[in-house]
Amino acid sequence: MTALIDVEGELIARAADRFPSAVVRDELDNNLANELPTIQIEQVPGGGDDGLRLARYLVDINVYAATRVEAIALANDVHAWATGELRGSTSTAAVIGRTGALTLPAARPYENTGLRRVGATYEIYLHPVS
């Protein structure tokens, strides 16, 4: 049976190391405007597994920044990380295999007009460390 792994925890730890100037989290709080830029990583419903070891997770990654230009630039860096650098990386718990973008980074509506949000949806294949 496929061992399910906390994909948010795995990605948040890796993104925090890769993007030290950003706050990386799964849930937003009321202080968001004072914690920019922020990268939000959330597993969304969907995905699946092969019944043996490999799981496919769907993950939304949203970037919040003070301006649209800053949000787009960071979202593009996150995209390059998620679709390139993240592949083949390991931790003590998991190995990330293939990754891909289901949607490309694009502006997403957000009710606070004092900041901008750009996000994309990714598929992440991973399995536990043997």
C-alpha atoms as a PDB file:
ATOM      1  CA  MET A   1       0.000   0.000   0.000  1.00  0.00           C
ATOM      2  CA  THR A   2       1.216   3.517  -0.781  1.00  0.00           C
ATOM      3  CA  ALA A   3       2.431   5.378   2.301  1.00  0.00           C
ATOM      4  CA  LEU A   4       0.890   8.850   2.259  1.00  0.00           C
ATOM      5  CA  ILE A   5       3.251  11.682   3.109  1.00  0.00           C
ATOM      6  CA  ASP A   6       2.567  15.230   4.309  1.00  0.00           C
ATOM      7  CA  VAL A   7       3.278  16.861   0.959  1.00  0.00           C
ATOM      8  CA  GLU A   8       2.679  20.361   2.345  1.00  0.00           C
ATOM      9  CA  GLY A   9       5.260  19.812   5.081  1.00  0.00           C
ATOM     10  CA  GLU A  10       7.775  18.402   2.606  1.00  0.00           C
ATOM     11  CA  LEU A  11       7.363  21.285   0.156  1.00  0.00           C
ATOM     12  CA  ILE A  12       7.228  24.026   2.795  1.00  0.00           C
ATOM     13  CA  ALA A  13      10.540  22.909   4.307  1.00  0.00           C
ATOM     14  CA  ARG A  14      12.211  22.751   0.888  1.00  0.00           C
ATOM     15  CA  ALA A  15      10.755  26.083  -0.258  1.00  0.00           C
ATOM     16  CA  ALA A  16      11.787  27.818   2.971  1.00  0.00           C
ATOM     17  CA  ASP A  17      15.389  26.740   2.307  1.00  0.00           C
ATOM     18  CA  ARG A  18      15.210  27.776  -1.354  1.00  0.00           C
ATOM     19  CA  PHE A  19      13.426  31.134  -0.787  1.00  0.00           C
ATOM     20  CA  PRO A  20      14.829  32.487   2.495  1.00  0.00           C
ATOM     21  CA  SER A  21      13.553  36.034   1.907  1.00  0.00           C
ATOM     22  CA  ALA A  22       9.921  34.837   1.764  1.00  0.00           C
ATOM     23  CA  VAL A  23       7.585  33.530   4.439  1.00  0.00           C
ATOM     24  CA  VAL A  24       6.549  30.014   3.404  1.00  0.00           C
ATOM     25  CA  ARG A  25       3.403  28.535   4.937  1.00  0.00           C
ATOM     26  CA  ASP A  26       0.270  26.500   4.364  1.00  0.00           C
ATOM     27  CA  GLU A  27      -2.304  28.833   5.950  1.00  0.00           C
ATOM     28  CA  LEU A  28      -2.471  32.602   5.811  1.00  0.00           C
ATOM     29  CA  ASP A  29      -2.983  34.696   8.908  1.00  0.00           C
ATOM     30  CA  ASN A  30      -4.268  38.193   9.626  1.00  0.00           C
ATOM     31  CA  ASN A  31      -0.763  39.675   9.423  1.00  0.00           C
ATOM     32  CA  LEU A  32      -0.238  38.805   5.737  1.00  0.00           C
ATOM     33  CA  ALA A  33       0.291  42.389   4.565  1.00  0.00           C
ATOM     34  CA  ASN A  34       3.216  42.671   7.002  1.00  0.00           C
ATOM     35  CA  GLU A  35       4.775  39.358   5.931  1.00  0.00           C
ATOM     36  CA  LEU A  36       5.410  39.876   2.238  1.00  0.00           C
ATOM     37  CA  PRO A  37       6.474  38.164   0.174  1.00  0.00           C
ATOM     38  CA  THR A  38       4.634  35.024   1.244  1.00  0.00           C
ATOM     39  CA  ILE A  39       4.530  31.675  -0.532  1.00  0.00           C
ATOM     40  CA  GLN A  40       1.477  29.576   0.339  1.00  0.00           C
ATOM     41  CA  ILE A  41       1.581  25.838  -0.371  1.00  0.00           C
ATOM     42  CA  GLU A  42      -1.651  23.847  -0.092  1.00  0.00           C
ATOM     43  CA  GLN A  43      -2.601  20.353  -1.161  1.00  0.00           C
ATOM     44  CA  VAL A  44      -5.851  20.366  -3.126  1.00  0.00           C
ATOM     45  CA  PRO A  45      -8.304  17.479  -3.570  1.00  0.00           C
ATOM     46  CA  GLY A  46      -7.308  15.062  -6.275  1.00  0.00           C
ATOM     47  CA  GLY A  47      -4.251  13.059  -7.136  1.00  0.00           C
ATOM     48  CA  GLY A  48      -3.909   9.338  -6.583  1.00  0.00           C
ATOM     49  CA  ASP A  49      -1.440   6.537  -6.072  1.00  0.00           C
ATOM     50  CA  ASP A  50      -0.253   3.345  -7.714  1.00  0.00           C
ATOM     51  CA  GLY A  51      -1.232   1.146  -4.765  1.00  0.00           C
ATOM     52  CA  LEU A  52       2.400   0.271  -4.124  1.00  0.00           C
ATOM     53  CA  ARG A  53       4.630   3.269  -3.336  1.00  0.00           C
ATOM     54  CA  LEU A  54       4.189   6.222  -5.677  1.00  0.00           C
ATOM     55  CA  ALA A  55       1.699   8.978  -4.850  1.00  0.00           C
ATOM     56  CA  ARG A  56       0.606  11.861  -7.093  1.00  0.00           C
ATOM     57  CA  TYR A  57      -0.349  15.017  -5.197  1.00  0.00           C
ATOM     58  CA  LEU A  58      -2.008  18.143  -6.554  1.00  0.00           C
ATOM     59  CA  VAL A  59      -0.690  21.296  -4.935  1.00  0.00           C
ATOM     60  CA  ASP A  60      -1.611  24.965  -5.272  1.00  0.00           C
ATOM     61  CA  ILE A  61       1.261  27.378  -4.782  1.00  0.00           C
ATOM     62  CA  ASN A  62       0.245  31.010  -4.367  1.00  0.00           C
ATOM     63  CA  VAL A  63       2.621  33.941  -4.057  1.00  0.00           C
ATOM     64  CA  TYR A  64       1.597  37.137  -2.300  1.00  0.00           C
ATOM     65  CA  ALA A  65       3.617  40.321  -2.787  1.00  0.00           C
ATOM     66  CA  ALA A  66       3.213  44.083  -2.521  1.00  0.00           C
ATOM     67  CA  THR A  67       3.057  44.605  -6.290  1.00  0.00           C
ATOM     68  CA  ARG A  68       2.000  42.607  -9.315  1.00  0.00           C
ATOM     69  CA  VAL A  69       5.516  42.780 -10.762  1.00  0.00           C
ATOM     70  CA  GLU A  70       7.021  41.341  -7.552  1.00  0.00           C
ATOM     71  CA  ALA A  71       4.357  38.623  -7.332  1.00  0.00           C
ATOM     72  CA  ILE A  72       4.868  37.557 -10.958  1.00  0.00           C
ATOM     73  CA  ALA A  73       8.661  37.494 -10.595  1.00  0.00           C
ATOM     74  CA  LEU A  74       8.548  35.347  -7.448  1.00  0.00           C
ATOM     75  CA  ALA A  75       5.866  33.072  -8.925  1.00  0.00           C
ATOM     76  CA  ASN A  76       8.097  32.506 -11.969  1.00  0.00           C
ATOM     77  CA  ASP A  77      11.022  31.616  -9.666  1.00  0.00           C
ATOM     78  CA  VAL A  78       8.764  29.229  -7.725  1.00  0.00           C
ATOM     79  CA  HIS A  79       7.622  27.701 -11.030  1.00  0.00           C
ATOM     80  CA  ALA A  80      11.229  27.040 -12.104  1.00  0.00           C
ATOM     81  CA  TRP A  81      11.924  25.485  -8.690  1.00  0.00           C
ATOM     82  CA  ALA A  82       8.782  23.306  -8.716  1.00  0.00           C
ATOM     83  CA  THR A  83       9.196  22.044 -12.268  1.00  0.00           C
ATOM     84  CA  GLY A  84      12.981  21.758 -12.299  1.00  0.00           C
ATOM     85  CA  GLU A  85      15.004  21.931  -9.101  1.00  0.00           C
ATOM     86  CA  LEU A  86      12.496  19.994  -7.007  1.00  0.00           C
ATOM     87  CA  ARG A  87      12.708  16.895  -9.227  1.00  0.00           C
ATOM     88  CA  GLY A  88      14.830  14.169  -7.699  1.00  0.00           C
ATOM     89  CA  SER A  89      15.269  15.966  -4.379  1.00  0.00           C
ATOM     90  CA  THR A  90      15.166  13.967  -1.170  1.00  0.00           C
ATOM     91  CA  SER A  91      14.565  14.463   2.530  1.00  0.00           C
ATOM     92  CA  THR A  92      14.687  12.000   5.388  1.00  0.00           C
ATOM     93  CA  ALA A  93      11.051  11.098   4.636  1.00  0.00           C
ATOM     94  CA  ALA A  94      10.467  11.405   0.895  1.00  0.00           C
ATOM     95  CA  VAL A  95      11.893  11.370  -2.613  1.00  0.00           C
ATOM     96  CA  ILE A  96      10.281  13.671  -5.145  1.00  0.00           C
ATOM     97  CA  GLY A  97      10.131  12.251  -8.650  1.00  0.00           C
ATOM     98  CA  ARG A  98       8.395  13.852 -11.576  1.00  0.00           C
ATOM     99  CA  THR A  99       6.812  17.263 -11.168  1.00  0.00           C
ATOM    100  CA  GLY A 100       4.748  19.324 -13.554  1.00  0.00           C
ATOM    101  CA  ALA A 101       2.505  22.339 -13.839  1.00  0.00           C
ATOM    102  CA  LEU A 102      -1.200  21.739 -14.388  1.00  0.00           C
ATOM    103  CA  THR A 103      -1.749  25.498 -14.609  1.00  0.00           C
ATOM    104  CA  LEU A 104       0.905  28.113 -15.247  1.00  0.00           C
ATOM    105  CA  PRO A 105       1.473  31.055 -12.883  1.00  0.00           C
ATOM    106  CA  ALA A 106      -1.193  33.702 -13.345  1.00  0.00           C
ATOM    107  CA  ALA A 107      -2.765  36.512 -11.375  1.00  0.00           C
ATOM    108  CA  ARG A 108      -5.512  35.238  -9.080  1.00  0.00           C
ATOM    109  CA  PRO A 109      -8.141  37.446  -7.480  1.00  0.00           C
ATOM    110  CA  TYR A 110      -7.640  38.434  -3.858  1.00  0.00           C
ATOM    111  CA  GLU A 111      -9.915  40.595  -1.736  1.00  0.00           C
ATOM    112  CA  ASN A 112      -7.116  42.727  -0.255  1.00  0.00           C
ATOM    113  CA  THR A 113      -6.220  45.321  -2.884  1.00  0.00           C
ATOM    114  CA  GLY A 114      -3.093  46.244  -0.884  1.00  0.00           C
ATOM    115  CA  LEU A 115      -1.268  43.196  -2.210  1.00  0.00           C
ATOM    116  CA  ARG A 116      -1.152  40.927  -5.237  1.00  0.00           C
ATOM    117  CA  ARG A 117      -1.590  37.167  -5.609  1.00  0.00           C
ATOM    118  CA  VAL A 118      -0.166  34.983  -8.391  1.00  0.00           C
ATOM    119  CA  GLY A 119      -0.543  31.227  -8.333  1.00  0.00           C
ATOM    120  CA  ALA A 120      -0.306  27.940 -10.169  1.00  0.00           C
ATOM    121  CA  THR A 121      -1.288  24.309  -9.628  1.00  0.00           C
ATOM    122  CA  TYR A 122       1.314  21.553  -9.720  1.00  0.00           C
ATOM    123  CA  GLU A 123       1.381  17.771  -9.694  1.00  0.00           C
ATOM    124  CA  ILE A 124       4.071  16.281  -7.500  1.00  0.00           C
ATOM    125  CA  TYR A 125       4.963  12.586  -7.607  1.00  0.00           C
ATOM    126  CA  LEU A 126       6.728  11.280  -4.527  1.00  0.00           C
ATOM    127  CA  HIS A 127       7.410   8.174  -2.521  1.00  0.00           C
ATOM    128  CA  PRO A 128       8.822   7.403   0.924  1.00  0.00           C
ATOM    129  CA  VAL A 129      12.551   6.958   1.359  1.00  0.00           C
ATOM    130  CA  SER A 130      13.409   3.268   1.302  1.00  0.00           C
END
